[in-house]
Amino acid sequence: IHKEDYEEWVLAAIYASPNPILRDQLWHNLENMAES
């Protein structure tokens, strides 16, 4: 997200699957993204 005169930031809009295996994949990806 970029707005003039403001610091750029990142939005992660989530709808996690009710399926625990798919939800685990989401969290794995979020944890990887958090590292960088």
PDB file of all heavy atoms in Angstrom:
ATOM      1  N   ILE A   1       0.853  -1.183   0.000  1.00  0.00           N
ATOM      2  CA  ILE A   1       0.000   0.000   0.000  1.00  0.00           C
ATOM      3  C   ILE A   1       0.894   1.239   0.000  1.00  0.00           C
ATOM      4  O   ILE A   1       1.777   1.368   0.846  1.00  0.00           O
ATOM      5  CB  ILE A   1      -0.916   0.030   1.247  1.00  0.00           C
ATOM      6  CG1 ILE A   1      -1.584  -1.334   1.502  1.00  0.00           C
ATOM      7  CG2 ILE A   1      -1.914   1.176   1.150  1.00  0.00           C
ATOM      8  CD1 ILE A   1      -2.497  -1.829   0.422  1.00  0.00           C
ATOM      9  N   HIS A   2       0.634   2.139  -0.950  1.00  0.00           N
ATOM     10  CA  HIS A   2       1.417   3.371  -1.027  1.00  0.00           C
ATOM     11  C   HIS A   2       0.473   4.563  -1.131  1.00  0.00           C
ATOM     12  O   HIS A   2      -0.434   4.580  -1.964  1.00  0.00           O
ATOM     13  CB  HIS A   2       2.342   3.351  -2.243  1.00  0.00           C
ATOM     14  CG  HIS A   2       3.087   4.628  -2.411  1.00  0.00           C
ATOM     15  ND1 HIS A   2       4.193   4.946  -1.655  1.00  0.00           N
ATOM     16  CD2 HIS A   2       2.867   5.684  -3.229  1.00  0.00           C
ATOM     17  CE1 HIS A   2       4.631   6.133  -2.003  1.00  0.00           C
ATOM     18  NE2 HIS A   2       3.847   6.608  -2.961  1.00  0.00           N
ATOM     19  N   LYS A   3       0.689   5.520  -0.257  1.00  0.00           N
ATOM     20  CA  LYS A   3      -0.034   6.790  -0.297  1.00  0.00           C
ATOM     21  C   LYS A   3       1.013   7.885  -0.188  1.00  0.00           C
ATOM     22  O   LYS A   3       1.927   7.795   0.631  1.00  0.00           O
ATOM     23  CB  LYS A   3      -1.033   6.880   0.855  1.00  0.00           C
ATOM     24  CG  LYS A   3      -1.868   8.139   0.851  1.00  0.00           C
ATOM     25  CD  LYS A   3      -2.942   8.078   1.915  1.00  0.00           C
ATOM     26  CE  LYS A   3      -3.693   9.368   2.056  1.00  0.00           C
ATOM     27  NZ  LYS A   3      -4.660   9.624   1.020  1.00  0.00           N
ATOM     28  N   GLU A   4       0.879   8.889  -1.026  1.00  0.00           N
ATOM     29  CA  GLU A   4       1.866   9.973  -1.039  1.00  0.00           C
ATOM     30  C   GLU A   4       2.049  10.560   0.358  1.00  0.00           C
ATOM     31  O   GLU A   4       1.073  10.743   1.102  1.00  0.00           O
ATOM     32  CB  GLU A   4       1.399  11.066  -2.004  1.00  0.00           C
ATOM     33  CG  GLU A   4       2.468  12.066  -2.325  1.00  0.00           C
ATOM     34  CD  GLU A   4       2.045  13.014  -3.427  1.00  0.00           C
ATOM     35  OE1 GLU A   4       1.280  12.605  -4.321  1.00  0.00           O
ATOM     36  OE2 GLU A   4       2.489  14.154  -3.373  1.00  0.00           O
ATOM     37  N   ASP A   5       3.292  10.800   0.717  1.00  0.00           N
ATOM     38  CA  ASP A   5       3.690  11.381   2.012  1.00  0.00           C
ATOM     39  C   ASP A   5       3.529  10.423   3.196  1.00  0.00           C
ATOM     40  O   ASP A   5       3.579  10.849   4.343  1.00  0.00           O
ATOM     41  CB  ASP A   5       2.926  12.683   2.310  1.00  0.00           C
ATOM     42  CG  ASP A   5       3.207  13.754   1.280  1.00  0.00           C
ATOM     43  OD1 ASP A   5       4.342  13.804   0.767  1.00  0.00           O
ATOM     44  OD2 ASP A   5       2.278  14.531   0.978  1.00  0.00           O
ATOM     45  N   TYR A   6       3.301   9.145   2.936  1.00  0.00           N
ATOM     46  CA  TYR A   6       3.191   8.141   4.000  1.00  0.00           C
ATOM     47  C   TYR A   6       4.155   6.992   3.712  1.00  0.00           C
ATOM     48  O   TYR A   6       4.470   6.714   2.557  1.00  0.00           O
ATOM     49  CB  TYR A   6       1.766   7.579   4.107  1.00  0.00           C
ATOM     50  CG  TYR A   6       0.784   8.564   4.664  1.00  0.00           C
ATOM     51  CD1 TYR A   6       0.105   9.442   3.820  1.00  0.00           C
ATOM     52  CD2 TYR A   6       0.551   8.638   6.027  1.00  0.00           C
ATOM     53  CE1 TYR A   6      -0.803  10.363   4.321  1.00  0.00           C
ATOM     54  CE2 TYR A   6      -0.359   9.556   6.539  1.00  0.00           C
ATOM     55  CZ  TYR A   6      -1.029  10.424   5.683  1.00  0.00           C
ATOM     56  OH  TYR A   6      -1.909  11.332   6.190  1.00  0.00           O
ATOM     57  N   GLU A   7       4.571   6.323   4.771  1.00  0.00           N
ATOM     58  CA  GLU A   7       5.439   5.166   4.610  1.00  0.00           C
ATOM     59  C   GLU A   7       4.670   4.028   3.943  1.00  0.00           C
ATOM     60  O   GLU A   7       3.503   3.765   4.265  1.00  0.00           O
ATOM     61  CB  GLU A   7       5.949   4.709   5.990  1.00  0.00           C
ATOM     62  CG  GLU A   7       6.907   3.545   5.931  1.00  0.00           C
ATOM     63  CD  GLU A   7       7.414   3.132   7.315  1.00  0.00           C
ATOM     64  OE1 GLU A   7       7.045   3.768   8.320  1.00  0.00           O
ATOM     65  OE2 GLU A   7       8.175   2.151   7.356  1.00  0.00           O
ATOM     66  N   GLU A   8       5.327   3.356   3.018  1.00  0.00           N
ATOM     67  CA  GLU A   8       4.736   2.193   2.356  1.00  0.00           C
ATOM     68  C   GLU A   8       4.588   1.064   3.364  1.00  0.00           C
ATOM     69  O   GLU A   8       5.425   0.890   4.247  1.00  0.00           O
ATOM     70  CB  GLU A   8       5.676   1.774   1.219  1.00  0.00           C
ATOM     71  CG  GLU A   8       5.024   0.985   0.140  1.00  0.00           C
ATOM     72  CD  GLU A   8       5.940   0.808  -1.052  1.00  0.00           C
ATOM     73  OE1 GLU A   8       6.893   0.025  -0.931  1.00  0.00           O
ATOM     74  OE2 GLU A   8       5.690   1.456  -2.082  1.00  0.00           O
ATOM     75  N   TRP A   9       3.500   0.284   3.253  1.00  0.00           N
ATOM     76  CA  TRP A   9       3.272  -0.831   4.160  1.00  0.00           C
ATOM     77  C   TRP A   9       2.641  -1.985   3.401  1.00  0.00           C
ATOM     78  O   TRP A   9       2.230  -1.839   2.257  1.00  0.00           O
ATOM     79  CB  TRP A   9       2.435  -0.411   5.363  1.00  0.00           C
ATOM     80  CG  TRP A   9       1.083   0.179   5.026  1.00  0.00           C
ATOM     81  CD1 TRP A   9       0.829   1.451   4.595  1.00  0.00           C
ATOM     82  CD2 TRP A   9      -0.183  -0.475   5.092  1.00  0.00           C
ATOM     83  NE1 TRP A   9      -0.525   1.609   4.390  1.00  0.00           N
ATOM     84  CE2 TRP A   9      -1.168   0.457   4.698  1.00  0.00           C
ATOM     85  CE3 TRP A   9      -0.589  -1.760   5.451  1.00  0.00           C
ATOM     86  CZ2 TRP A   9      -2.524   0.141   4.658  1.00  0.00           C
ATOM     87  CZ3 TRP A   9      -1.942  -2.078   5.418  1.00  0.00           C
ATOM     88  CH2 TRP A   9      -2.890  -1.122   5.022  1.00  0.00           C
ATOM     89  N   VAL A  10       2.587  -3.139   4.037  1.00  0.00           N
ATOM     90  CA  VAL A  10       2.084  -4.357   3.399  1.00  0.00           C
ATOM     91  C   VAL A  10       0.833  -4.839   4.128  1.00  0.00           C
ATOM     92  O   VAL A  10       0.797  -4.894   5.362  1.00  0.00           O
ATOM     93  CB  VAL A  10       3.164  -5.465   3.404  1.00  0.00           C
ATOM     94  CG1 VAL A  10       2.622  -6.756   2.800  1.00  0.00           C
ATOM     95  CG2 VAL A  10       4.410  -5.011   2.648  1.00  0.00           C
ATOM     96  N   LEU A  11      -0.170  -5.173   3.355  1.00  0.00           N
ATOM     97  CA  LEU A  11      -1.416  -5.745   3.877  1.00  0.00           C
ATOM     98  C   LEU A  11      -1.486  -7.200   3.458  1.00  0.00           C
ATOM     99  O   LEU A  11      -1.278  -7.522   2.284  1.00  0.00           O
ATOM    100  CB  LEU A  11      -2.625  -4.993   3.304  1.00  0.00           C
ATOM    101  CG  LEU A  11      -4.000  -5.625   3.548  1.00  0.00           C
ATOM    102  CD1 LEU A  11      -4.343  -5.618   5.040  1.00  0.00           C
ATOM    103  CD2 LEU A  11      -5.066  -4.908   2.740  1.00  0.00           C
ATOM    104  N   ALA A  12      -1.776  -8.067   4.406  1.00  0.00           N
ATOM    105  CA  ALA A  12      -2.105  -9.460   4.105  1.00  0.00           C
ATOM    106  C   ALA A  12      -3.578  -9.639   4.478  1.00  0.00           C
ATOM    107  O   ALA A  12      -3.927  -9.655   5.658  1.00  0.00           O
ATOM    108  CB  ALA A  12      -1.231 -10.421   4.891  1.00  0.00           C
ATOM    109  N   ALA A  13      -4.434  -9.690   3.465  1.00  0.00           N
ATOM    110  CA  ALA A  13      -5.871  -9.903   3.680  1.00  0.00           C
ATOM    111  C   ALA A  13      -6.105 -11.412   3.658  1.00  0.00           C
ATOM    112  O   ALA A  13      -5.821 -12.077   2.661  1.00  0.00           O
ATOM    113  CB  ALA A  13      -6.679  -9.209   2.600  1.00  0.00           C
ATOM    114  N   ILE A  14      -6.611 -11.938   4.768  1.00  0.00           N
ATOM    115  CA  ILE A  14      -6.667 -13.382   4.994  1.00  0.00           C
ATOM    116  C   ILE A  14      -8.097 -13.918   4.978  1.00  0.00           C
ATOM    117  O   ILE A  14      -8.997 -13.324   5.571  1.00  0.00           O
ATOM    118  CB  ILE A  14      -6.070 -13.729   6.389  1.00  0.00           C
ATOM    119  CG1 ILE A  14      -4.665 -13.178   6.552  1.00  0.00           C
ATOM    120  CG2 ILE A  14      -6.172 -15.218   6.681  1.00  0.00           C
ATOM    121  CD1 ILE A  14      -3.607 -13.886   5.775  1.00  0.00           C
ATOM    122  N   TYR A  15      -8.292 -15.022   4.310  1.00  0.00           N
ATOM    123  CA  TYR A  15      -9.425 -15.914   4.583  1.00  0.00           C
ATOM    124  C   TYR A  15      -8.821 -17.314   4.660  1.00  0.00           C
ATOM    125  O   TYR A  15      -8.588 -17.966   3.645  1.00  0.00           O
ATOM    126  CB  TYR A  15     -10.540 -15.883   3.528  1.00  0.00           C
ATOM    127  CG  TYR A  15     -11.540 -16.967   3.869  1.00  0.00           C
ATOM    128  CD1 TYR A  15     -12.379 -16.813   4.974  1.00  0.00           C
ATOM    129  CD2 TYR A  15     -11.570 -18.172   3.196  1.00  0.00           C
ATOM    130  CE1 TYR A  15     -13.232 -17.825   5.358  1.00  0.00           C
ATOM    131  CE2 TYR A  15     -12.422 -19.187   3.575  1.00  0.00           C
ATOM    132  CZ  TYR A  15     -13.249 -19.016   4.656  1.00  0.00           C
ATOM    133  OH  TYR A  15     -14.083 -20.024   5.053  1.00  0.00           O
ATOM    134  N   ALA A  16      -8.524 -17.742   5.881  1.00  0.00           N
ATOM    135  CA  ALA A  16      -7.895 -19.050   6.080  1.00  0.00           C
ATOM    136  C   ALA A  16      -8.918 -20.158   5.870  1.00  0.00           C
ATOM    137  O   ALA A  16     -10.062 -20.060   6.307  1.00  0.00           O
ATOM    138  CB  ALA A  16      -7.305 -19.140   7.483  1.00  0.00           C
ATOM    139  N   SER A  17      -8.474 -21.207   5.243  1.00  0.00           N
ATOM    140  CA  SER A  17      -9.343 -22.346   4.981  1.00  0.00           C
ATOM    141  C   SER A  17      -9.767 -23.001   6.289  1.00  0.00           C
ATOM    142  O   SER A  17      -8.978 -23.088   7.235  1.00  0.00           O
ATOM    143  CB  SER A  17      -8.587 -23.374   4.135  1.00  0.00           C
ATOM    144  OG  SER A  17      -9.352 -24.554   4.007  1.00  0.00           O
ATOM    145  N   PRO A  18     -10.999 -23.491   6.351  1.00  0.00           N
ATOM    146  CA  PRO A  18     -11.398 -24.278   7.525  1.00  0.00           C
ATOM    147  C   PRO A  18     -10.691 -25.639   7.567  1.00  0.00           C
ATOM    148  O   PRO A  18     -10.641 -26.279   8.607  1.00  0.00           O
ATOM    149  CB  PRO A  18     -12.909 -24.448   7.364  1.00  0.00           C
ATOM    150  CG  PRO A  18     -13.269 -23.924   6.029  1.00  0.00           C
ATOM    151  CD  PRO A  18     -12.090 -23.219   5.440  1.00  0.00           C
ATOM    152  N   ASN A  19     -10.101 -26.044   6.439  1.00  0.00           N
ATOM    153  CA  ASN A  19      -9.364 -27.302   6.375  1.00  0.00           C
ATOM    154  C   ASN A  19      -8.009 -27.105   7.063  1.00  0.00           C
ATOM    155  O   ASN A  19      -7.203 -26.284   6.629  1.00  0.00           O
ATOM    156  CB  ASN A  19      -9.164 -27.685   4.906  1.00  0.00           C
ATOM    157  CG  ASN A  19      -8.353 -28.940   4.722  1.00  0.00           C
ATOM    158  OD1 ASN A  19      -7.335 -29.160   5.376  1.00  0.00           O
ATOM    159  ND2 ASN A  19      -8.791 -29.768   3.797  1.00  0.00           N
ATOM    160  N   PRO A  20      -7.736 -27.858   8.149  1.00  0.00           N
ATOM    161  CA  PRO A  20      -6.491 -27.652   8.907  1.00  0.00           C
ATOM    162  C   PRO A  20      -5.217 -27.828   8.083  1.00  0.00           C
ATOM    163  O   PRO A  20      -4.234 -27.115   8.309  1.00  0.00           O
ATOM    164  CB  PRO A  20      -6.555 -28.703  10.021  1.00  0.00           C
ATOM    165  CG  PRO A  20      -7.930 -29.235  10.025  1.00  0.00           C
ATOM    166  CD  PRO A  20      -8.571 -28.903   8.717  1.00  0.00           C
ATOM    167  N   ILE A  21      -5.215 -28.718   7.111  1.00  0.00           N
ATOM    168  CA  ILE A  21      -4.012 -28.933   6.294  1.00  0.00           C
ATOM    169  C   ILE A  21      -3.742 -27.703   5.429  1.00  0.00           C
ATOM    170  O   ILE A  21      -2.600 -27.228   5.341  1.00  0.00           O
ATOM    171  CB  ILE A  21      -4.157 -30.214   5.440  1.00  0.00           C
ATOM    172  CG1 ILE A  21      -4.197 -31.439   6.355  1.00  0.00           C
ATOM    173  CG2 ILE A  21      -3.033 -30.325   4.418  1.00  0.00           C
ATOM    174  CD1 ILE A  21      -4.612 -32.717   5.685  1.00  0.00           C
ATOM    175  N   LEU A  22      -4.790 -27.163   4.805  1.00  0.00           N
ATOM    176  CA  LEU A  22      -4.628 -25.961   3.996  1.00  0.00           C
ATOM    177  C   LEU A  22      -4.276 -24.756   4.870  1.00  0.00           C
ATOM    178  O   LEU A  22      -3.459 -23.914   4.480  1.00  0.00           O
ATOM    179  CB  LEU A  22      -5.893 -25.686   3.190  1.00  0.00           C
ATOM    180  CG  LEU A  22      -6.252 -26.735   2.145  1.00  0.00           C
ATOM    181  CD1 LEU A  22      -7.574 -26.396   1.468  1.00  0.00           C
ATOM    182  CD2 LEU A  22      -5.139 -26.888   1.124  1.00  0.00           C
ATOM    183  N   ARG A  23      -4.879 -24.678   6.051  1.00  0.00           N
ATOM    184  CA  ARG A  23      -4.574 -23.591   6.981  1.00  0.00           C
ATOM    185  C   ARG A  23      -3.111 -23.657   7.423  1.00  0.00           C
ATOM    186  O   ARG A  23      -2.441 -22.633   7.545  1.00  0.00           O
ATOM    187  CB  ARG A  23      -5.524 -23.659   8.180  1.00  0.00           C
ATOM    188  CG  ARG A  23      -5.631 -22.379   8.935  1.00  0.00           C
ATOM    189  CD  ARG A  23      -6.792 -22.342   9.921  1.00  0.00           C
ATOM    190  NE  ARG A  23      -6.842 -23.485  10.801  1.00  0.00           N
ATOM    191  CZ  ARG A  23      -7.838 -24.372  10.847  1.00  0.00           C
ATOM    192  NH1 ARG A  23      -8.876 -24.255  10.047  1.00  0.00           N
ATOM    193  NH2 ARG A  23      -7.810 -25.378  11.686  1.00  0.00           N
ATOM    194  N   ASP A  24      -2.576 -24.873   7.620  1.00  0.00           N
ATOM    195  CA  ASP A  24      -1.155 -25.041   7.948  1.00  0.00           C
ATOM    196  C   ASP A  24      -0.273 -24.473   6.840  1.00  0.00           C
ATOM    197  O   ASP A  24       0.748 -23.840   7.108  1.00  0.00           O
ATOM    198  CB  ASP A  24      -0.810 -26.513   8.166  1.00  0.00           C
ATOM    199  CG  ASP A  24      -1.313 -27.068   9.491  1.00  0.00           C
ATOM    200  OD1 ASP A  24      -1.709 -26.269  10.371  1.00  0.00           O
ATOM    201  OD2 ASP A  24      -1.313 -28.303   9.644  1.00  0.00           O
ATOM    202  N   GLN A  25      -0.657 -24.690   5.582  1.00  0.00           N
ATOM    203  CA  GLN A  25       0.112 -24.160   4.451  1.00  0.00           C
ATOM    204  C   GLN A  25       0.126 -22.635   4.476  1.00  0.00           C
ATOM    205  O   GLN A  25       1.159 -22.016   4.230  1.00  0.00           O
ATOM    206  CB  GLN A  25      -0.471 -24.660   3.128  1.00  0.00           C
ATOM    207  CG  GLN A  25      -0.288 -26.130   2.894  1.00  0.00           C
ATOM    208  CD  GLN A  25      -1.039 -26.629   1.667  1.00  0.00           C
ATOM    209  OE1 GLN A  25      -1.726 -25.870   0.982  1.00  0.00           O
ATOM    210  NE2 GLN A  25      -0.922 -27.919   1.394  1.00  0.00           N
ATOM    211  N   LEU A  26      -1.029 -22.033   4.783  1.00  0.00           N
ATOM    212  CA  LEU A  26      -1.098 -20.577   4.884  1.00  0.00           C
ATOM    213  C   LEU A  26      -0.123 -20.068   5.939  1.00  0.00           C
ATOM    214  O   LEU A  26       0.652 -19.148   5.686  1.00  0.00           O
ATOM    215  CB  LEU A  26      -2.520 -20.124   5.231  1.00  0.00           C
ATOM    216  CG  LEU A  26      -2.643 -18.663   5.648  1.00  0.00           C
ATOM    217  CD1 LEU A  26      -2.393 -17.736   4.474  1.00  0.00           C
ATOM    218  CD2 LEU A  26      -3.989 -18.404   6.295  1.00  0.00           C
ATOM    219  N   TRP A  27      -0.156 -20.686   7.126  1.00  0.00           N
ATOM    220  CA  TRP A  27       0.711 -20.233   8.211  1.00  0.00           C
ATOM    221  C   TRP A  27       2.186 -20.451   7.882  1.00  0.00           C
ATOM    222  O   TRP A  27       3.031 -19.617   8.222  1.00  0.00           O
ATOM    223  CB  TRP A  27       0.330 -20.902   9.528  1.00  0.00           C
ATOM    224  CG  TRP A  27      -0.817 -20.185  10.163  1.00  0.00           C
ATOM    225  CD1 TRP A  27      -2.112 -20.592  10.225  1.00  0.00           C
ATOM    226  CD2 TRP A  27      -0.766 -18.902  10.798  1.00  0.00           C
ATOM    227  NE1 TRP A  27      -2.870 -19.649  10.865  1.00  0.00           N
ATOM    228  CE2 TRP A  27      -2.065 -18.609  11.226  1.00  0.00           C
ATOM    229  CE3 TRP A  27       0.243 -17.983  11.040  1.00  0.00           C
ATOM    230  CZ2 TRP A  27      -2.381 -17.423  11.899  1.00  0.00           C
ATOM    231  CZ3 TRP A  27      -0.065 -16.809  11.699  1.00  0.00           C
ATOM    232  CH2 TRP A  27      -1.365 -16.542  12.123  1.00  0.00           C
ATOM    233  N   HIS A  28       2.500 -21.512   7.186  1.00  0.00           N
ATOM    234  CA  HIS A  28       3.883 -21.740   6.761  1.00  0.00           C
ATOM    235  C   HIS A  28       4.343 -20.586   5.855  1.00  0.00           C
ATOM    236  O   HIS A  28       5.449 -20.042   6.017  1.00  0.00           O
ATOM    237  CB  HIS A  28       4.010 -23.086   6.050  1.00  0.00           C
ATOM    238  CG  HIS A  28       5.370 -23.372   5.520  1.00  0.00           C
ATOM    239  ND1 HIS A  28       6.430 -23.707   6.328  1.00  0.00           N
ATOM    240  CD2 HIS A  28       5.845 -23.341   4.261  1.00  0.00           C
ATOM    241  CE1 HIS A  28       7.509 -23.869   5.588  1.00  0.00           C
ATOM    242  NE2 HIS A  28       7.182 -23.656   4.319  1.00  0.00           N
ATOM    243  N   ASN A  29       3.475 -20.192   4.920  1.00  0.00           N
ATOM    244  CA  ASN A  29       3.800 -19.082   4.018  1.00  0.00           C
ATOM    245  C   ASN A  29       3.913 -17.761   4.776  1.00  0.00           C
ATOM    246  O   ASN A  29       4.801 -16.956   4.487  1.00  0.00           O
ATOM    247  CB  ASN A  29       2.762 -18.977   2.901  1.00  0.00           C
ATOM    248  CG  ASN A  29       2.834 -20.147   1.947  1.00  0.00           C
ATOM    249  OD1 ASN A  29       3.860 -20.810   1.834  1.00  0.00           O
ATOM    250  ND2 ASN A  29       1.735 -20.432   1.271  1.00  0.00           N
ATOM    251  N   LEU A  30       3.020 -17.522   5.736  1.00  0.00           N
ATOM    252  CA  LEU A  30       3.090 -16.289   6.528  1.00  0.00           C
ATOM    253  C   LEU A  30       4.374 -16.241   7.356  1.00  0.00           C
ATOM    254  O   LEU A  30       5.015 -15.190   7.462  1.00  0.00           O
ATOM    255  CB  LEU A  30       1.867 -16.160   7.440  1.00  0.00           C
ATOM    256  CG  LEU A  30       0.535 -15.875   6.754  1.00  0.00           C
ATOM    257  CD1 LEU A  30      -0.605 -15.938   7.771  1.00  0.00           C
ATOM    258  CD2 LEU A  30       0.562 -14.535   6.044  1.00  0.00           C
ATOM    259  N   GLU A  31       4.745 -17.383   7.943  1.00  0.00           N
ATOM    260  CA  GLU A  31       5.975 -17.427   8.737  1.00  0.00           C
ATOM    261  C   GLU A  31       7.202 -17.146   7.860  1.00  0.00           C
ATOM    262  O   GLU A  31       8.110 -16.420   8.270  1.00  0.00           O
ATOM    263  CB  GLU A  31       6.099 -18.765   9.462  1.00  0.00           C
ATOM    264  CG  GLU A  31       5.108 -18.898  10.606  1.00  0.00           C
ATOM    265  CD  GLU A  31       5.005 -20.294  11.191  1.00  0.00           C
ATOM    266  OE1 GLU A  31       5.545 -21.262  10.605  1.00  0.00           O
ATOM    267  OE2 GLU A  31       4.365 -20.430  12.249  1.00  0.00           O
ATOM    268  N   ASN A  32       7.224 -17.685   6.641  1.00  0.00           N
ATOM    269  CA  ASN A  32       8.319 -17.396   5.708  1.00  0.00           C
ATOM    270  C   ASN A  32       8.353 -15.916   5.343  1.00  0.00           C
ATOM    271  O   ASN A  32       9.427 -15.299   5.273  1.00  0.00           O
ATOM    272  CB  ASN A  32       8.203 -18.240   4.439  1.00  0.00           C
ATOM    273  CG  ASN A  32       8.602 -19.679   4.664  1.00  0.00           C
ATOM    274  OD1 ASN A  32       9.310 -20.001   5.618  1.00  0.00           O
ATOM    275  ND2 ASN A  32       8.122 -20.550   3.801  1.00  0.00           N
ATOM    276  N   MET A  33       7.194 -15.351   5.107  1.00  0.00           N
ATOM    277  CA  MET A  33       7.135 -13.935   4.754  1.00  0.00           C
ATOM    278  C   MET A  33       7.585 -13.063   5.925  1.00  0.00           C
ATOM    279  O   MET A  33       8.293 -12.069   5.723  1.00  0.00           O
ATOM    280  CB  MET A  33       5.727 -13.561   4.329  1.00  0.00           C
ATOM    281  CG  MET A  33       5.603 -12.114   3.925  1.00  0.00           C
ATOM    282  SD  MET A  33       4.226 -11.889   2.838  1.00  0.00           S
ATOM    283  CE  MET A  33       5.100 -11.496   1.342  1.00  0.00           C
ATOM    284  N   ALA A  34       7.229 -13.453   7.144  1.00  0.00           N
ATOM    285  CA  ALA A  34       7.593 -12.676   8.329  1.00  0.00           C
ATOM    286  C   ALA A  34       9.111 -12.567   8.480  1.00  0.00           C
ATOM    287  O   ALA A  34       9.620 -11.536   8.923  1.00  0.00           O
ATOM    288  CB  ALA A  34       6.984 -13.296   9.581  1.00  0.00           C
ATOM    289  N   GLU A  35       9.812 -13.610   8.092  1.00  0.00           N
ATOM    290  CA  GLU A  35      11.275 -13.611   8.222  1.00  0.00           C
ATOM    291  C   GLU A  35      11.933 -12.524   7.380  1.00  0.00           C
ATOM    292  O   GLU A  35      12.991 -12.016   7.761  1.00  0.00           O
ATOM    293  CB  GLU A  35      11.843 -14.981   7.823  1.00  0.00           C
ATOM    294  CG  GLU A  35      11.531 -16.072   8.795  1.00  0.00           C
ATOM    295  CD  GLU A  35      12.016 -17.439   8.328  1.00  0.00           C
ATOM    296  OE1 GLU A  35      12.742 -17.513   7.310  1.00  0.00           O
ATOM    297  OE2 GLU A  35      11.676 -18.436   8.986  1.00  0.00           O
ATOM    298  N   SER A  36      11.332 -12.173   6.267  1.00  0.00           N
ATOM    299  CA  SER A  36      11.952 -11.181   5.382  1.00  0.00           C
ATOM    300  C   SER A  36      11.190  -9.855   5.337  1.00  0.00           C
ATOM    301  O   SER A  36      11.534  -8.985   4.542  1.00  0.00           O
ATOM    302  CB  SER A  36      12.066 -11.755   3.966  1.00  0.00           C
ATOM    303  OG  SER A  36      10.782 -12.042   3.460  1.00  0.00           O
TER     304      SER A  36
END
